[in-house]
Amino acid sequence: MRAAVLLPLLLAACGTGDPPPGATSAGEAQALNEAAAMLDANSVEANAVGIDGDNEDGAQ
């Protein structure tokens, strides 16, 4: 019975809240999200791009 009470307390003490090595921090995640939003805002819709078949330099 005593072990059932202590086990959750011991497991809760294991987590430090620090991200594991190689993980992104909260600031890095926010910067990545902002960069993705900028790229999305500047992107061209795939259906808006067409192939004319004409090359400017004449090479094929």
PDB file of N, CA and C in Angstrom:
ATOM      1  N   MET A   1       0.828  -1.192   0.000  1.00  0.00           N
ATOM      2  CA  MET A   1       0.000   0.000   0.000  1.00  0.00           C
ATOM      3  C   MET A   1       0.873   1.256   0.000  1.00  0.00           C
ATOM      4  N   ARG A   2       1.903   1.218   0.808  1.00  0.00           N
ATOM      5  CA  ARG A   2       2.793   2.366   0.894  1.00  0.00           C
ATOM      6  C   ARG A   2       3.538   2.587  -0.428  1.00  0.00           C
ATOM      7  N   ALA A   3       3.880   1.498  -1.089  1.00  0.00           N
ATOM      8  CA  ALA A   3       4.578   1.606  -2.378  1.00  0.00           C
ATOM      9  C   ALA A   3       3.667   2.229  -3.435  1.00  0.00           C
ATOM     10  N   ALA A   4       2.367   1.942  -3.352  1.00  0.00           N
ATOM     11  CA  ALA A   4       1.422   2.505  -4.321  1.00  0.00           C
ATOM     12  C   ALA A   4       1.317   4.019  -4.161  1.00  0.00           C
ATOM     13  N   VAL A   5       1.531   4.515  -2.972  1.00  0.00           N
ATOM     14  CA  VAL A   5       1.478   5.958  -2.738  1.00  0.00           C
ATOM     15  C   VAL A   5       2.793   6.615  -3.141  1.00  0.00           C
ATOM     16  N   LEU A   6       3.903   5.945  -2.875  1.00  0.00           N
ATOM     17  CA  LEU A   6       5.207   6.534  -3.156  1.00  0.00           C
ATOM     18  C   LEU A   6       5.594   6.471  -4.635  1.00  0.00           C
ATOM     19  N   LEU A   7       5.107   5.473  -5.336  1.00  0.00           N
ATOM     20  CA  LEU A   7       5.494   5.301  -6.744  1.00  0.00           C
ATOM     21  C   LEU A   7       5.145   6.525  -7.595  1.00  0.00           C
ATOM     22  N   PRO A   8       3.918   7.053  -7.544  1.00  0.00           N
ATOM     23  CA  PRO A   8       3.636   8.255  -8.357  1.00  0.00           C
ATOM     24  C   PRO A   8       4.488   9.458  -7.956  1.00  0.00           C
ATOM     25  N   LEU A   9       4.806   9.582  -6.683  1.00  0.00           N
ATOM     26  CA  LEU A   9       5.649  10.697  -6.241  1.00  0.00           C
ATOM     27  C   LEU A   9       7.068  10.562  -6.774  1.00  0.00           C
ATOM     28  N   LEU A  10       7.579   9.345  -6.779  1.00  0.00           N
ATOM     29  CA  LEU A  10       8.922   9.127  -7.299  1.00  0.00           C
ATOM     30  C   LEU A  10       8.978   9.355  -8.804  1.00  0.00           C
ATOM     31  N   LEU A  11       7.952   8.910  -9.510  1.00  0.00           N
ATOM     32  CA  LEU A  11       7.923   9.108 -10.954  1.00  0.00           C
ATOM     33  C   LEU A  11       7.777  10.581 -11.309  1.00  0.00           C
ATOM     34  N   ALA A  12       7.028  11.318 -10.529  1.00  0.00           N
ATOM     35  CA  ALA A  12       6.865  12.751 -10.786  1.00  0.00           C
ATOM     36  C   ALA A  12       8.176  13.498 -10.568  1.00  0.00           C
ATOM     37  N   ALA A  13       8.990  13.010  -9.664  1.00  0.00           N
ATOM     38  CA  ALA A  13      10.268  13.661  -9.387  1.00  0.00           C
ATOM     39  C   ALA A  13      11.285  13.405 -10.491  1.00  0.00           C
ATOM     40  N   CYS A  14      11.067  12.414 -11.335  1.00  0.00           N
ATOM     41  CA  CYS A  14      12.019  12.093 -12.404  1.00  0.00           C
ATOM     42  C   CYS A  14      12.046  13.168 -13.483  1.00  0.00           C
ATOM     43  N   GLY A  15      10.922  13.749 -13.801  1.00  0.00           N
ATOM     44  CA  GLY A  15      10.862  14.739 -14.864  1.00  0.00           C
ATOM     45  C   GLY A  15      11.352  16.087 -14.388  1.00  0.00           C
ATOM     46  N   THR A  16      12.299  16.671 -15.129  1.00  0.00           N
ATOM     47  CA  THR A  16      12.828  17.977 -14.746  1.00  0.00           C
ATOM     48  C   THR A  16      12.174  19.100 -15.525  1.00  0.00           C
ATOM     49  N   GLY A  17      11.476  18.768 -16.613  1.00  0.00           N
ATOM     50  CA  GLY A  17      10.860  19.795 -17.433  1.00  0.00           C
ATOM     51  C   GLY A  17      11.782  20.336 -18.505  1.00  0.00           C
ATOM     52  N   ASP A  18      13.055  19.988 -18.475  1.00  0.00           N
ATOM     53  CA  ASP A  18      13.991  20.426 -19.507  1.00  0.00           C
ATOM     54  C   ASP A  18      13.797  19.578 -20.755  1.00  0.00           C
ATOM     55  N   PRO A  19      13.877  20.196 -21.927  1.00  0.00           N
ATOM     56  CA  PRO A  19      13.757  19.398 -23.153  1.00  0.00           C
ATOM     57  C   PRO A  19      14.964  18.481 -23.308  1.00  0.00           C
ATOM     58  N   PRO A  20      14.783  17.339 -23.944  1.00  0.00           N
ATOM     59  CA  PRO A  20      15.912  16.435 -24.160  1.00  0.00           C
ATOM     60  C   PRO A  20      16.917  17.053 -25.129  1.00  0.00           C
ATOM     61  N   PRO A  21      18.146  16.561 -25.128  1.00  0.00           N
ATOM     62  CA  PRO A  21      19.153  17.097 -26.055  1.00  0.00           C
ATOM     63  C   PRO A  21      18.696  16.974 -27.501  1.00  0.00           C
ATOM     64  N   GLY A  22      18.881  18.015 -28.261  1.00  0.00           N
ATOM     65  CA  GLY A  22      18.484  18.020 -29.662  1.00  0.00           C
ATOM     66  C   GLY A  22      17.077  18.530 -29.881  1.00  0.00           C
ATOM     67  N   ALA A  23      16.294  18.700 -28.831  1.00  0.00           N
ATOM     68  CA  ALA A  23      14.934  19.214 -28.974  1.00  0.00           C
ATOM     69  C   ALA A  23      14.975  20.730 -29.079  1.00  0.00           C
ATOM     70  N   THR A  24      13.941  21.310 -29.675  1.00  0.00           N
ATOM     71  CA  THR A  24      13.893  22.757 -29.797  1.00  0.00           C
ATOM     72  C   THR A  24      13.328  23.375 -28.531  1.00  0.00           C
ATOM     73  N   SER A  25      13.827  24.531 -28.189  1.00  0.00           N
ATOM     74  CA  SER A  25      13.306  25.251 -27.034  1.00  0.00           C
ATOM     75  C   SER A  25      12.031  25.979 -27.448  1.00  0.00           C
ATOM     76  N   ALA A  26      11.352  26.560 -26.483  1.00  0.00           N
ATOM     77  CA  ALA A  26      10.111  27.287 -26.783  1.00  0.00           C
ATOM     78  C   ALA A  26      10.399  28.476 -27.702  1.00  0.00           C
ATOM     79  N   GLY A  27      11.509  29.164 -27.484  1.00  0.00           N
ATOM     80  CA  GLY A  27      11.865  30.295 -28.337  1.00  0.00           C
ATOM     81  C   GLY A  27      12.197  29.871 -29.760  1.00  0.00           C
ATOM     82  N   GLU A  28      12.901  28.751 -29.877  1.00  0.00           N
ATOM     83  CA  GLU A  28      13.238  28.242 -31.215  1.00  0.00           C
ATOM     84  C   GLU A  28      11.977  27.781 -31.949  1.00  0.00           C
ATOM     85  N   ALA A  29      11.065  27.154 -31.229  1.00  0.00           N
ATOM     86  CA  ALA A  29       9.818  26.698 -31.852  1.00  0.00           C
ATOM     87  C   ALA A  29       9.005  27.888 -32.341  1.00  0.00           C
ATOM     88  N   GLN A  30       8.972  28.964 -31.565  1.00  0.00           N
ATOM     89  CA  GLN A  30       8.242  30.158 -31.977  1.00  0.00           C
ATOM     90  C   GLN A  30       8.892  30.777 -33.212  1.00  0.00           C
ATOM     91  N   ALA A  31      10.224  30.838 -33.248  1.00  0.00           N
ATOM     92  CA  ALA A  31      10.922  31.400 -34.405  1.00  0.00           C
ATOM     93  C   ALA A  31      10.668  30.555 -35.649  1.00  0.00           C
ATOM     94  N   LEU A  32      10.645  29.242 -35.500  1.00  0.00           N
ATOM     95  CA  LEU A  32      10.360  28.371 -36.643  1.00  0.00           C
ATOM     96  C   LEU A  32       8.931  28.571 -37.147  1.00  0.00           C
ATOM     97  N   ASN A  33       7.984  28.724 -36.232  1.00  0.00           N
ATOM     98  CA  ASN A  33       6.600  28.959 -36.641  1.00  0.00           C
ATOM     99  C   ASN A  33       6.444  30.289 -37.363  1.00  0.00           C
ATOM    100  N   GLU A  34       7.140  31.317 -36.877  1.00  0.00           N
ATOM    101  CA  GLU A  34       7.082  32.618 -37.538  1.00  0.00           C
ATOM    102  C   GLU A  34       7.710  32.558 -38.925  1.00  0.00           C
ATOM    103  N   ALA A  35       8.815  31.836 -39.067  1.00  0.00           N
ATOM    104  CA  ALA A  35       9.457  31.693 -40.376  1.00  0.00           C
ATOM    105  C   ALA A  35       8.554  30.930 -41.334  1.00  0.00           C
ATOM    106  N   ALA A  36       7.884  29.894 -40.846  1.00  0.00           N
ATOM    107  CA  ALA A  36       6.967  29.132 -41.699  1.00  0.00           C
ATOM    108  C   ALA A  36       5.796  30.003 -42.142  1.00  0.00           C
ATOM    109  N   ALA A  37       5.305  30.852 -41.257  1.00  0.00           N
ATOM    110  CA  ALA A  37       4.204  31.749 -41.621  1.00  0.00           C
ATOM    111  C   ALA A  37       4.643  32.748 -42.688  1.00  0.00           C
ATOM    112  N   MET A  38       5.884  33.251 -42.586  1.00  0.00           N
ATOM    113  CA  MET A  38       6.388  34.173 -43.605  1.00  0.00           C
ATOM    114  C   MET A  38       6.524  33.469 -44.950  1.00  0.00           C
ATOM    115  N   LEU A  39       7.011  32.230 -44.936  1.00  0.00           N
ATOM    116  CA  LEU A  39       7.146  31.491 -46.193  1.00  0.00           C
ATOM    117  C   LEU A  39       5.779  31.213 -46.811  1.00  0.00           C
ATOM    118  N   ASP A  40       4.801  30.885 -45.980  1.00  0.00           N
ATOM    119  CA  ASP A  40       3.453  30.644 -46.492  1.00  0.00           C
ATOM    120  C   ASP A  40       2.862  31.914 -47.092  1.00  0.00           C
ATOM    121  N   ALA A  41       3.127  33.048 -46.467  1.00  0.00           N
ATOM    122  CA  ALA A  41       2.584  34.316 -46.961  1.00  0.00           C
ATOM    123  C   ALA A  41       3.208  34.696 -48.299  1.00  0.00           C
ATOM    124  N   ASN A  42       4.455  34.296 -48.529  1.00  0.00           N
ATOM    125  CA  ASN A  42       5.155  34.651 -49.764  1.00  0.00           C
ATOM    126  C   ASN A  42       5.073  33.571 -50.836  1.00  0.00           C
ATOM    127  N   SER A  43       4.393  32.487 -50.552  1.00  0.00           N
ATOM    128  CA  SER A  43       4.362  31.377 -51.508  1.00  0.00           C
ATOM    129  C   SER A  43       3.348  31.634 -52.612  1.00  0.00           C
ATOM    130  N   VAL A  44       3.519  30.924 -53.701  1.00  0.00           N
ATOM    131  CA  VAL A  44       2.630  31.001 -54.844  1.00  0.00           C
ATOM    132  C   VAL A  44       1.795  29.733 -54.862  1.00  0.00           C
ATOM    133  N   GLU A  45       0.528  29.875 -55.147  1.00  0.00           N
ATOM    134  CA  GLU A  45      -0.339  28.700 -55.227  1.00  0.00           C
ATOM    135  C   GLU A  45       0.120  27.814 -56.385  1.00  0.00           C
ATOM    136  N   ALA A  46       0.139  26.514 -56.165  1.00  0.00           N
ATOM    137  CA  ALA A  46       0.649  25.582 -57.170  1.00  0.00           C
ATOM    138  C   ALA A  46      -0.156  25.644 -58.458  1.00  0.00           C
ATOM    139  N   ASN A  47      -1.441  25.896 -58.391  1.00  0.00           N
ATOM    140  CA  ASN A  47      -2.274  25.968 -59.591  1.00  0.00           C
ATOM    141  C   ASN A  47      -2.053  27.249 -60.377  1.00  0.00           C
ATOM    142  N   ALA A  48      -1.419  28.239 -59.769  1.00  0.00           N
ATOM    143  CA  ALA A  48      -1.180  29.503 -60.455  1.00  0.00           C
ATOM    144  C   ALA A  48       0.037  29.421 -61.371  1.00  0.00           C
ATOM    145  N   VAL A  49       0.852  28.394 -61.207  1.00  0.00           N
ATOM    146  CA  VAL A  49       2.054  28.235 -62.016  1.00  0.00           C
ATOM    147  C   VAL A  49       1.729  27.303 -63.169  1.00  0.00           C
ATOM    148  N   GLY A  50       2.033  27.744 -64.376  1.00  0.00           N
ATOM    149  CA  GLY A  50       1.769  26.924 -65.552  1.00  0.00           C
ATOM    150  C   GLY A  50       3.024  26.728 -66.369  1.00  0.00           C
ATOM    151  N   ILE A  51       3.000  25.736 -67.232  1.00  0.00           N
ATOM    152  CA  ILE A  51       4.124  25.463 -68.119  1.00  0.00           C
ATOM    153  C   ILE A  51       3.712  25.900 -69.516  1.00  0.00           C
ATOM    154  N   ASP A  52       4.436  26.867 -70.073  1.00  0.00           N
ATOM    155  CA  ASP A  52       4.131  27.389 -71.400  1.00  0.00           C
ATOM    156  C   ASP A  52       4.762  26.544 -72.493  1.00  0.00           C
ATOM    157  N   GLY A  53       5.851  25.875 -72.181  1.00  0.00           N
ATOM    158  CA  GLY A  53       6.565  25.128 -73.194  1.00  0.00           C
ATOM    159  C   GLY A  53       7.617  25.966 -73.889  1.00  0.00           C
ATOM    160  N   ASP A  54       7.693  27.227 -73.555  1.00  0.00           N
ATOM    161  CA  ASP A  54       8.680  28.126 -74.150  1.00  0.00           C
ATOM    162  C   ASP A  54       9.810  28.346 -73.157  1.00  0.00           C
ATOM    163  N   ASN A  55      11.006  28.027 -73.577  1.00  0.00           N
ATOM    164  CA  ASN A  55      12.196  28.325 -72.779  1.00  0.00           C
ATOM    165  C   ASN A  55      12.804  29.612 -73.296  1.00  0.00           C
ATOM    166  N   GLU A  56      13.216  30.462 -72.384  1.00  0.00           N
ATOM    167  CA  GLU A  56      13.787  31.741 -72.804  1.00  0.00           C
ATOM    168  C   GLU A  56      15.093  31.572 -73.530  1.00  0.00           C
ATOM    169  N   ASP A  57      15.907  30.588 -73.082  1.00  0.00           N
ATOM    170  CA  ASP A  57      17.210  30.431 -73.714  1.00  0.00           C
ATOM    171  C   ASP A  57      17.186  29.447 -74.875  1.00  0.00           C
ATOM    172  N   GLY A  58      16.058  28.810 -75.113  1.00  0.00           N
ATOM    173  CA  GLY A  58      15.935  27.885 -76.233  1.00  0.00           C
ATOM    174  C   GLY A  58      16.458  26.501 -75.961  1.00  0.00           C
ATOM    175  N   ALA A  59      17.065  26.251 -74.810  1.00  0.00           N
ATOM    176  CA  ALA A  59      17.589  24.917 -74.480  1.00  0.00           C
ATOM    177  C   ALA A  59      16.459  24.012 -74.012  1.00  0.00           C
ATOM    178  N   GLN A  60      16.647  22.729 -74.280  1.00  0.00           N
ATOM    179  CA  GLN A  60      15.640  21.767 -73.829  1.00  0.00           C
ATOM    180  C   GLN A  60      16.247  20.684 -73.011  1.00  0.00           C
TER     181      GLN A  60
END
